[in-house]
């Protein structure tokens, strides 16, 4: 029962954070695919660094077990990523934001998004016994992570990942400032905007 309550509380906190960050808006999700709005990417990259750091710290302190590393099946991951990406781009929602939007009472999230998720889950459930053996036969690497592949400490791998994320966030912020600068400067002839 405690595990169910923990999942509900963490899910509610994550949904609250999504809503407060404005990530439940359709235009934010579509903006990622149009390379115009990187708020979702900034939020998710920040969440990944925080979660990875807390997971590693809790495991090191013995407070929690390290999450198990799932097996790596490259072909299955590529096919799954394509299906996920096409579904997210066409619906304009990701699985987390669609549930948050449905909670806000948005009809499009209920009809298009949740219905699509249910149909997709049923289709996957029916196809899985036939499809997964074919996708997991080739390019299977077992339970490997970046730290084990590189032969380094998990903390060093996490540090490098956090630095890469910080660089990406810096570049996104810099590109955003550069894109706003011409609009804030006004028209080229020097007249004030109306």
Foldseek 3Di string as FASTA:
>chain_A
DVVVVVVVVVLVVVLVVCVVLVVLDLCQLLCVVVVRHCSVVLVVLVVVLVVLVVLVVCCVVVVDNRDFFFWDQPQVVVVVVVVQVVLCNVLSHHVSSLVSVVVVVDPSSVPVPVVVVVVVVVVCVVCVVPPVVVRRPPPIDTRDDPCVVVVHDSVVVSVVSVVVSVVVVVVVVVVVVVVCVVVVCDDPVNDHDD
